[in-house]
C-alpha atoms as a PDB file:
ATOM      1  CA  UNK A   1      17.662   6.440 -23.887  1.00  0.00           C
ATOM      2  CA  UNK A   2      15.732   3.214 -24.334  1.00  0.00           C
ATOM      3  CA  UNK A   3      12.452   2.336 -22.701  1.00  0.00           C
ATOM      4  CA  UNK A   4      12.338   0.523 -19.406  1.00  0.00           C
ATOM      5  CA  UNK A   5       9.846  -2.278 -19.047  1.00  0.00           C
ATOM      6  CA  UNK A   6       9.311  -4.025 -15.734  1.00  0.00           C
ATOM      7  CA  UNK A   7       6.881  -6.863 -16.076  1.00  0.00           C
ATOM      8  CA  UNK A   8       5.978 -10.103 -14.409  1.00  0.00           C
ATOM      9  CA  UNK A   9       4.802 -13.114 -16.332  1.00  0.00           C
ATOM     10  CA  UNK A  10       1.972 -15.083 -14.837  1.00  0.00           C
ATOM     11  CA  UNK A  11      -0.021 -14.460 -11.706  1.00  0.00           C
ATOM     12  CA  UNK A  12       1.071 -15.905  -8.386  1.00  0.00           C
ATOM     13  CA  UNK A  13      -1.232 -14.866  -5.513  1.00  0.00           C
ATOM     14  CA  UNK A  14       1.413 -15.873  -2.962  1.00  0.00           C
ATOM     15  CA  UNK A  15       3.847 -13.339  -4.492  1.00  0.00           C
ATOM     16  CA  UNK A  16       1.445 -10.384  -4.855  1.00  0.00           C
ATOM     17  CA  UNK A  17       2.273  -8.710  -1.531  1.00  0.00           C
ATOM     18  CA  UNK A  18       5.989  -8.852  -2.354  1.00  0.00           C
ATOM     19  CA  UNK A  19       5.311  -7.378  -5.810  1.00  0.00           C
ATOM     20  CA  UNK A  20       3.225  -4.598  -4.243  1.00  0.00           C
ATOM     21  CA  UNK A  21       6.035  -3.815  -1.821  1.00  0.00           C
ATOM     22  CA  UNK A  22       8.671  -3.738  -4.563  1.00  0.00           C
ATOM     23  CA  UNK A  23       6.494  -1.338  -6.595  1.00  0.00           C
ATOM     24  CA  UNK A  24       5.778   1.089  -3.750  1.00  0.00           C
ATOM     25  CA  UNK A  25       6.257   4.652  -4.956  1.00  0.00           C
ATOM     26  CA  UNK A  26       6.992   7.517  -2.591  1.00  0.00           C
ATOM     27  CA  UNK A  27       8.890  10.726  -2.014  1.00  0.00           C
ATOM     28  CA  UNK A  28      10.127  10.294   1.563  1.00  0.00           C
ATOM     29  CA  UNK A  29       6.979  11.718   3.163  1.00  0.00           C
ATOM     30  CA  UNK A  30       4.158   9.915   1.369  1.00  0.00           C
ATOM     31  CA  UNK A  31       4.124   6.479  -0.286  1.00  0.00           C
ATOM     32  CA  UNK A  32       1.573   4.325  -2.100  1.00  0.00           C
ATOM     33  CA  UNK A  33       1.878   0.562  -2.481  1.00  0.00           C
ATOM     34  CA  UNK A  34       2.107  -0.691  -6.050  1.00  0.00           C
ATOM     35  CA  UNK A  35      -1.157  -2.651  -5.956  1.00  0.00           C
ATOM     36  CA  UNK A  36      -3.062  -3.818  -9.005  1.00  0.00           C
ATOM     37  CA  UNK A  37      -5.521  -1.175 -10.222  1.00  0.00           C
ATOM     38  CA  UNK A  38      -8.954  -1.612  -8.691  1.00  0.00           C
ATOM     39  CA  UNK A  39      -7.951  -4.334  -6.231  1.00  0.00           C
ATOM     40  CA  UNK A  40      -9.373  -4.503  -2.723  1.00  0.00           C
ATOM     41  CA  UNK A  41      -7.515  -5.396   0.434  1.00  0.00           C
ATOM     42  CA  UNK A  42      -7.765  -9.003   1.498  1.00  0.00           C
ATOM     43  CA  UNK A  43      -5.732 -12.190   1.695  1.00  0.00           C
ATOM     44  CA  UNK A  44      -3.916 -11.520  -1.600  1.00  0.00           C
ATOM     45  CA  UNK A  45      -3.675  -7.726  -1.919  1.00  0.00           C
ATOM     46  CA  UNK A  46      -2.847  -5.011   0.587  1.00  0.00           C
ATOM     47  CA  UNK A  47      -3.351  -1.632  -1.136  1.00  0.00           C
ATOM     48  CA  UNK A  48      -2.624   1.405   0.939  1.00  0.00           C
ATOM     49  CA  UNK A  49      -0.960   4.708   1.505  1.00  0.00           C
ATOM     50  CA  UNK A  50       1.626   5.554   4.150  1.00  0.00           C
ATOM     51  CA  UNK A  51       2.730   8.907   5.577  1.00  0.00           C
ATOM     52  CA  UNK A  52       6.034   9.421   7.389  1.00  0.00           C
ATOM     53  CA  UNK A  53       5.473   9.930  11.106  1.00  0.00           C
ATOM     54  CA  UNK A  54       1.961   8.427  11.100  1.00  0.00           C
ATOM     55  CA  UNK A  55       2.232   5.500  13.530  1.00  0.00           C
ATOM     56  CA  UNK A  56      -0.091   3.490  15.734  1.00  0.00           C
ATOM     57  CA  UNK A  57       1.285   3.211  19.275  1.00  0.00           C
ATOM     58  CA  UNK A  58       0.106   0.123  21.142  1.00  0.00           C
ATOM     59  CA  UNK A  59       1.127  -1.415  24.459  1.00  0.00           C
ATOM     60  CA  UNK A  60       0.581  -5.189  24.694  1.00  0.00           C
ATOM     61  CA  UNK A  61       1.020  -7.632  27.526  1.00  0.00           C
ATOM     62  CA  UNK A  62       3.366 -10.452  26.440  1.00  0.00           C
ATOM     63  CA  UNK A  63       4.405 -13.156  28.930  1.00  0.00           C
ATOM     64  CA  UNK A  64       3.644 -10.816  31.823  1.00  0.00           C
ATOM     65  CA  UNK A  65       5.663  -7.891  30.382  1.00  0.00           C
ATOM     66  CA  UNK A  66       4.405  -4.679  28.835  1.00  0.00           C
ATOM     67  CA  UNK A  67       5.720  -4.385  25.272  1.00  0.00           C
ATOM     68  CA  UNK A  68       5.408  -1.137  23.305  1.00  0.00           C
ATOM     69  CA  UNK A  69       4.894  -1.365  19.537  1.00  0.00           C
ATOM     70  CA  UNK A  70       4.796   1.334  16.907  1.00  0.00           C
ATOM     71  CA  UNK A  71       3.521   0.293  13.487  1.00  0.00           C
ATOM     72  CA  UNK A  72       2.978   2.233  10.283  1.00  0.00           C
ATOM     73  CA  UNK A  73      -0.682   3.030   9.754  1.00  0.00           C
ATOM     74  CA  UNK A  74      -2.136   1.785   6.470  1.00  0.00           C
ATOM     75  CA  UNK A  75      -4.169   4.807   5.349  1.00  0.00           C
ATOM     76  CA  UNK A  76      -7.060   4.464   2.867  1.00  0.00           C
ATOM     77  CA  UNK A  77      -6.199   3.534  -0.696  1.00  0.00           C
ATOM     78  CA  UNK A  78      -6.816   6.603  -2.846  1.00  0.00           C
ATOM     79  CA  UNK A  79      -6.054   4.896  -6.174  1.00  0.00           C
ATOM     80  CA  UNK A  80      -9.660   3.892  -6.751  1.00  0.00           C
ATOM     81  CA  UNK A  81     -10.764   7.545  -6.513  1.00  0.00           C
ATOM     82  CA  UNK A  82     -12.304   8.831  -9.727  1.00  0.00           C
ATOM     83  CA  UNK A  83     -13.162  12.365 -10.667  1.00  0.00           C
ATOM     84  CA  UNK A  84     -14.669  14.342 -13.488  1.00  0.00           C
ATOM     85  CA  UNK A  85     -15.150  17.893 -14.584  1.00  0.00           C
ATOM     86  CA  UNK A  86     -18.562  19.484 -14.198  1.00  0.00           C
ATOM     87  CA  UNK A  87     -20.649  18.298 -17.131  1.00  0.00           C
ATOM     88  CA  UNK A  88     -17.949  15.842 -18.223  1.00  0.00           C
ATOM     89  CA  UNK A  89     -17.594  12.094 -17.996  1.00  0.00           C
ATOM     90  CA  UNK A  90     -15.258  10.064 -15.775  1.00  0.00           C
END
């Protein structure tokens, strides 16, 4: 079987959130967005982790009506976590 290579040429900040979404990796219970290594959340990137069933329930008043919303919670990005063995280097 040949190698698979999925690459993008160039950098387009306007397309980064779409790229991160397309590269999300999960198993049905837990998923991590495919963000660039070491990036921080902001206007261009939105790194995060999502867990099935972990929602934020919010009731808002819109045009005089109460509207209930449930949104996925963006949990902390664990990809920047580093570790090392006792006495070892990172």
